[in-house]
Amino acid sequence: MYQVVLELGSRKVHVISEHPSKEEALDQYIKLVEANKGSPITTNGKYTIRKKPE
């Protein structure tokens, strides 16, 4: 399971969505970055993909 998250600082993250495959998570990540003028960095943090913690 993979998550698309918004990193809000060194330890805080906001989970945007969860996907069973990395490819699906990447599709969602690309949509978010394109909606943000092509940048993964926002005023609140940064979009990333991570493997769901156990």
PDB file of N, CA and C in Angstrom:
ATOM      1  N   MET A   1       0.854  -1.172   0.000  1.00  0.00           N
ATOM      2  CA  MET A   1       0.000   0.000   0.000  1.00  0.00           C
ATOM      3  C   MET A   1       0.902   1.237   0.000  1.00  0.00           C
ATOM      4  N   TYR A   2       0.549   2.197  -0.854  1.00  0.00           N
ATOM      5  CA  TYR A   2       1.311   3.440  -0.968  1.00  0.00           C
ATOM      6  C   TYR A   2       0.411   4.622  -0.656  1.00  0.00           C
ATOM      7  N   GLN A   3       1.006   5.673  -0.126  1.00  0.00           N
ATOM      8  CA  GLN A   3       0.266   6.872   0.225  1.00  0.00           C
ATOM      9  C   GLN A   3       0.843   8.082  -0.494  1.00  0.00           C
ATOM     10  N   VAL A   4      -0.058   8.955  -0.934  1.00  0.00           N
ATOM     11  CA  VAL A   4       0.348  10.270  -1.417  1.00  0.00           C
ATOM     12  C   VAL A   4       0.126  11.200  -0.226  1.00  0.00           C
ATOM     13  N   VAL A   5       1.196  11.886   0.201  1.00  0.00           N
ATOM     14  CA  VAL A   5       1.112  12.700   1.404  1.00  0.00           C
ATOM     15  C   VAL A   5       1.606  14.120   1.132  1.00  0.00           C
ATOM     16  N   LEU A   6       1.184  15.021   2.003  1.00  0.00           N
ATOM     17  CA  LEU A   6       1.694  16.384   2.025  1.00  0.00           C
ATOM     18  C   LEU A   6       2.517  16.510   3.299  1.00  0.00           C
ATOM     19  N   GLU A   7       3.831  16.672   3.132  1.00  0.00           N
ATOM     20  CA  GLU A   7       4.714  16.834   4.285  1.00  0.00           C
ATOM     21  C   GLU A   7       4.575  18.260   4.796  1.00  0.00           C
ATOM     22  N   LEU A   8       4.210  18.407   6.062  1.00  0.00           N
ATOM     23  CA  LEU A   8       3.955  19.717   6.644  1.00  0.00           C
ATOM     24  C   LEU A   8       5.097  20.196   7.529  1.00  0.00           C
ATOM     25  N   GLY A   9       6.143  19.458   7.621  1.00  0.00           N
ATOM     26  CA  GLY A   9       7.269  19.802   8.468  1.00  0.00           C
ATOM     27  C   GLY A   9       8.148  18.581   8.624  1.00  0.00           C
ATOM     28  N   SER A  10       9.006  18.616   9.610  1.00  0.00           N
ATOM     29  CA  SER A  10       9.948  17.508   9.756  1.00  0.00           C
ATOM     30  C   SER A  10       9.261  16.202  10.164  1.00  0.00           C
ATOM     31  N   ARG A  11       8.200  16.268  10.976  1.00  0.00           N
ATOM     32  CA  ARG A  11       7.550  15.047  11.452  1.00  0.00           C
ATOM     33  C   ARG A  11       6.065  14.950  11.113  1.00  0.00           C
ATOM     34  N   LYS A  12       5.453  16.016  10.628  1.00  0.00           N
ATOM     35  CA  LYS A  12       4.016  16.011  10.372  1.00  0.00           C
ATOM     36  C   LYS A  12       3.733  15.747   8.902  1.00  0.00           C
ATOM     37  N   VAL A  13       2.762  14.857   8.650  1.00  0.00           N
ATOM     38  CA  VAL A  13       2.314  14.597   7.283  1.00  0.00           C
ATOM     39  C   VAL A  13       0.789  14.524   7.261  1.00  0.00           C
ATOM     40  N   HIS A  14       0.226  14.889   6.128  1.00  0.00           N
ATOM     41  CA  HIS A  14      -1.210  14.776   5.900  1.00  0.00           C
ATOM     42  C   HIS A  14      -1.410  13.793   4.762  1.00  0.00           C
ATOM     43  N   VAL A  15      -2.098  12.677   5.036  1.00  0.00           N
ATOM     44  CA  VAL A  15      -2.345  11.663   4.010  1.00  0.00           C
ATOM     45  C   VAL A  15      -3.471  12.150   3.105  1.00  0.00           C
ATOM     46  N   ILE A  16      -3.165  12.261   1.815  1.00  0.00           N
ATOM     47  CA  ILE A  16      -4.154  12.712   0.833  1.00  0.00           C
ATOM     48  C   ILE A  16      -4.935  11.520   0.292  1.00  0.00           C
ATOM     49  N   SER A  17      -4.210  10.447  -0.061  1.00  0.00           N
ATOM     50  CA  SER A  17      -4.880   9.258  -0.584  1.00  0.00           C
ATOM     51  C   SER A  17      -3.991   8.033  -0.406  1.00  0.00           C
ATOM     52  N   GLU A  18      -4.627   6.840  -0.469  1.00  0.00           N
ATOM     53  CA  GLU A  18      -3.906   5.568  -0.375  1.00  0.00           C
ATOM     54  C   GLU A  18      -4.206   4.744  -1.622  1.00  0.00           C
ATOM     55  N   HIS A  19      -3.192   4.040  -2.108  1.00  0.00           N
ATOM     56  CA  HIS A  19      -3.326   3.270  -3.344  1.00  0.00           C
ATOM     57  C   HIS A  19      -2.641   1.913  -3.179  1.00  0.00           C
ATOM     58  N   PRO A  20      -3.185   0.868  -3.803  1.00  0.00           N
ATOM     59  CA  PRO A  20      -2.580  -0.462  -3.686  1.00  0.00           C
ATOM     60  C   PRO A  20      -1.266  -0.608  -4.449  1.00  0.00           C
ATOM     61  N   SER A  21      -1.057   0.199  -5.498  1.00  0.00           N
ATOM     62  CA  SER A  21       0.179   0.079  -6.266  1.00  0.00           C
ATOM     63  C   SER A  21       0.890   1.423  -6.352  1.00  0.00           C
ATOM     64  N   LYS A  22       2.196   1.359  -6.570  1.00  0.00           N
ATOM     65  CA  LYS A  22       2.982   2.586  -6.680  1.00  0.00           C
ATOM     66  C   LYS A  22       2.590   3.381  -7.924  1.00  0.00           C
ATOM     67  N   GLU A  23       2.198   2.679  -8.985  1.00  0.00           N
ATOM     68  CA  GLU A  23       1.804   3.350 -10.221  1.00  0.00           C
ATOM     69  C   GLU A  23       0.558   4.212 -10.015  1.00  0.00           C
ATOM     70  N   GLU A  24      -0.424   3.688  -9.281  1.00  0.00           N
ATOM     71  CA  GLU A  24      -1.638   4.461  -9.017  1.00  0.00           C
ATOM     72  C   GLU A  24      -1.326   5.668  -8.142  1.00  0.00           C
ATOM     73  N   ALA A  25      -0.450   5.484  -7.166  1.00  0.00           N
ATOM     74  CA  ALA A  25      -0.043   6.598  -6.308  1.00  0.00           C
ATOM     75  C   ALA A  25       0.681   7.658  -7.129  1.00  0.00           C
ATOM     76  N   LEU A  26       1.516   7.212  -8.064  1.00  0.00           N
ATOM     77  CA  LEU A  26       2.241   8.146  -8.921  1.00  0.00           C
ATOM     78  C   LEU A  26       1.287   8.946  -9.803  1.00  0.00           C
ATOM     79  N   ASP A  27       0.237   8.304 -10.316  1.00  0.00           N
ATOM     80  CA  ASP A  27      -0.763   9.015 -11.119  1.00  0.00           C
ATOM     81  C   ASP A  27      -1.414  10.136 -10.310  1.00  0.00           C
ATOM     82  N   GLN A  28      -1.791   9.842  -9.065  1.00  0.00           N
ATOM     83  CA  GLN A  28      -2.408  10.846  -8.199  1.00  0.00           C
ATOM     84  C   GLN A  28      -1.413  11.967  -7.883  1.00  0.00           C
ATOM     85  N   TYR A  29      -0.169  11.608  -7.624  1.00  0.00           N
ATOM     86  CA  TYR A  29       0.884  12.589  -7.335  1.00  0.00           C
ATOM     87  C   TYR A  29       1.079  13.541  -8.513  1.00  0.00           C
ATOM     88  N   ILE A  30       1.122  12.991  -9.722  1.00  0.00           N
ATOM     89  CA  ILE A  30       1.311  13.808 -10.923  1.00  0.00           C
ATOM     90  C   ILE A  30       0.141  14.781 -11.096  1.00  0.00           C
ATOM     91  N   LYS A  31      -1.079  14.328 -10.838  1.00  0.00           N
ATOM     92  CA  LYS A  31      -2.243  15.212 -10.942  1.00  0.00           C
ATOM     93  C   LYS A  31      -2.139  16.367  -9.953  1.00  0.00           C
ATOM     94  N   LEU A  32      -1.701  16.078  -8.727  1.00  0.00           N
ATOM     95  CA  LEU A  32      -1.559  17.125  -7.715  1.00  0.00           C
ATOM     96  C   LEU A  32      -0.477  18.132  -8.100  1.00  0.00           C
ATOM     97  N   VAL A  33       0.646  17.625  -8.601  1.00  0.00           N
ATOM     98  CA  VAL A  33       1.748  18.506  -8.995  1.00  0.00           C
ATOM     99  C   VAL A  33       1.339  19.384 -10.177  1.00  0.00           C
ATOM    100  N   GLU A  34       0.659  18.807 -11.162  1.00  0.00           N
ATOM    101  CA  GLU A  34       0.202  19.590 -12.318  1.00  0.00           C
ATOM    102  C   GLU A  34      -0.799  20.669 -11.892  1.00  0.00           C
ATOM    103  N   ALA A  35      -1.664  20.341 -10.938  1.00  0.00           N
ATOM    104  CA  ALA A  35      -2.635  21.320 -10.449  1.00  0.00           C
ATOM    105  C   ALA A  35      -1.939  22.438  -9.670  1.00  0.00           C
ATOM    106  N   ASN A  36      -0.734  22.172  -9.195  1.00  0.00           N
ATOM    107  CA  ASN A  36       0.041  23.161  -8.437  1.00  0.00           C
ATOM    108  C   ASN A  36       1.100  23.827  -9.331  1.00  0.00           C
ATOM    109  N   LYS A  37       0.761  24.070 -10.567  1.00  0.00           N
ATOM    110  CA  LYS A  37       1.649  24.743 -11.530  1.00  0.00           C
ATOM    111  C   LYS A  37       2.954  23.988 -11.760  1.00  0.00           C
ATOM    112  N   GLY A  38       2.900  22.654 -11.698  1.00  0.00           N
ATOM    113  CA  GLY A  38       4.063  21.836 -12.014  1.00  0.00           C
ATOM    114  C   GLY A  38       5.096  21.714 -10.908  1.00  0.00           C
ATOM    115  N   SER A  39       4.758  22.131  -9.697  1.00  0.00           N
ATOM    116  CA  SER A  39       5.718  22.068  -8.595  1.00  0.00           C
ATOM    117  C   SER A  39       5.178  21.200  -7.457  1.00  0.00           C
ATOM    118  N   PRO A  40       6.015  20.316  -6.881  1.00  0.00           N
ATOM    119  CA  PRO A  40       5.570  19.525  -5.733  1.00  0.00           C
ATOM    120  C   PRO A  40       5.580  20.325  -4.430  1.00  0.00           C
ATOM    121  N   ILE A  41       6.152  21.534  -4.458  1.00  0.00           N
ATOM    122  CA  ILE A  41       6.252  22.350  -3.252  1.00  0.00           C
ATOM    123  C   ILE A  41       5.083  23.328  -3.196  1.00  0.00           C
ATOM    124  N   THR A  42       4.377  23.325  -2.069  1.00  0.00           N
ATOM    125  CA  THR A  42       3.239  24.220  -1.868  1.00  0.00           C
ATOM    126  C   THR A  42       3.593  25.221  -0.767  1.00  0.00           C
ATOM    127  N   THR A  43       2.668  26.131  -0.492  1.00  0.00           N
ATOM    128  CA  THR A  43       2.902  27.083   0.597  1.00  0.00           C
ATOM    129  C   THR A  43       2.879  26.389   1.954  1.00  0.00           C
ATOM    130  N   ASN A  44       2.202  25.238   2.051  1.00  0.00           N
ATOM    131  CA  ASN A  44       2.102  24.518   3.324  1.00  0.00           C
ATOM    132  C   ASN A  44       3.114  23.395   3.479  1.00  0.00           C
ATOM    133  N   GLY A  45       3.689  22.914   2.397  1.00  0.00           N
ATOM    134  CA  GLY A  45       4.609  21.783   2.489  1.00  0.00           C
ATOM    135  C   GLY A  45       4.980  21.253   1.122  1.00  0.00           C
ATOM    136  N   LYS A  46       5.168  19.929   1.051  1.00  0.00           N
ATOM    137  CA  LYS A  46       5.634  19.303  -0.187  1.00  0.00           C
ATOM    138  C   LYS A  46       4.917  17.970  -0.393  1.00  0.00           C
ATOM    139  N   TYR A  47       4.470  17.712  -1.630  1.00  0.00           N
ATOM    140  CA  TYR A  47       3.844  16.430  -1.963  1.00  0.00           C
ATOM    141  C   TYR A  47       4.907  15.359  -2.127  1.00  0.00           C
ATOM    142  N   THR A  48       4.649  14.164  -1.584  1.00  0.00           N
ATOM    143  CA  THR A  48       5.546  13.028  -1.762  1.00  0.00           C
ATOM    144  C   THR A  48       4.722  11.741  -1.783  1.00  0.00           C
ATOM    145  N   ILE A  49       5.396  10.661  -2.195  1.00  0.00           N
ATOM    146  CA  ILE A  49       4.804   9.321  -2.160  1.00  0.00           C
ATOM    147  C   ILE A  49       5.620   8.509  -1.168  1.00  0.00           C
ATOM    148  N   ARG A  50       4.924   7.721  -0.356  1.00  0.00           N
ATOM    149  CA  ARG A  50       5.637   6.850   0.590  1.00  0.00           C
ATOM    150  C   ARG A  50       4.926   5.522   0.710  1.00  0.00           C
ATOM    151  N   LYS A  51       5.677   4.522   1.137  1.00  0.00           N
ATOM    152  CA  LYS A  51       5.079   3.226   1.449  1.00  0.00           C
ATOM    153  C   LYS A  51       4.359   3.363   2.767  1.00  0.00           C
ATOM    154  N   LYS A  52       3.163   2.834   2.872  1.00  0.00           N
ATOM    155  CA  LYS A  52       2.369   2.976   4.090  1.00  0.00           C
ATOM    156  C   LYS A  52       3.105   2.334   5.269  1.00  0.00           C
ATOM    157  N   PRO A  53       3.267   3.074   6.364  1.00  0.00           N
ATOM    158  CA  PRO A  53       3.914   2.491   7.539  1.00  0.00           C
ATOM    159  C   PRO A  53       3.092   1.329   8.095  1.00  0.00           C
ATOM    160  N   GLU A  54       3.754   0.343   8.608  1.00  0.00           N
ATOM    161  CA  GLU A  54       3.062  -0.842   9.159  1.00  0.00           C
ATOM    162  C   GLU A  54       2.400  -0.522  10.479  1.00  0.00           C
TER     163      GLU A  54
END
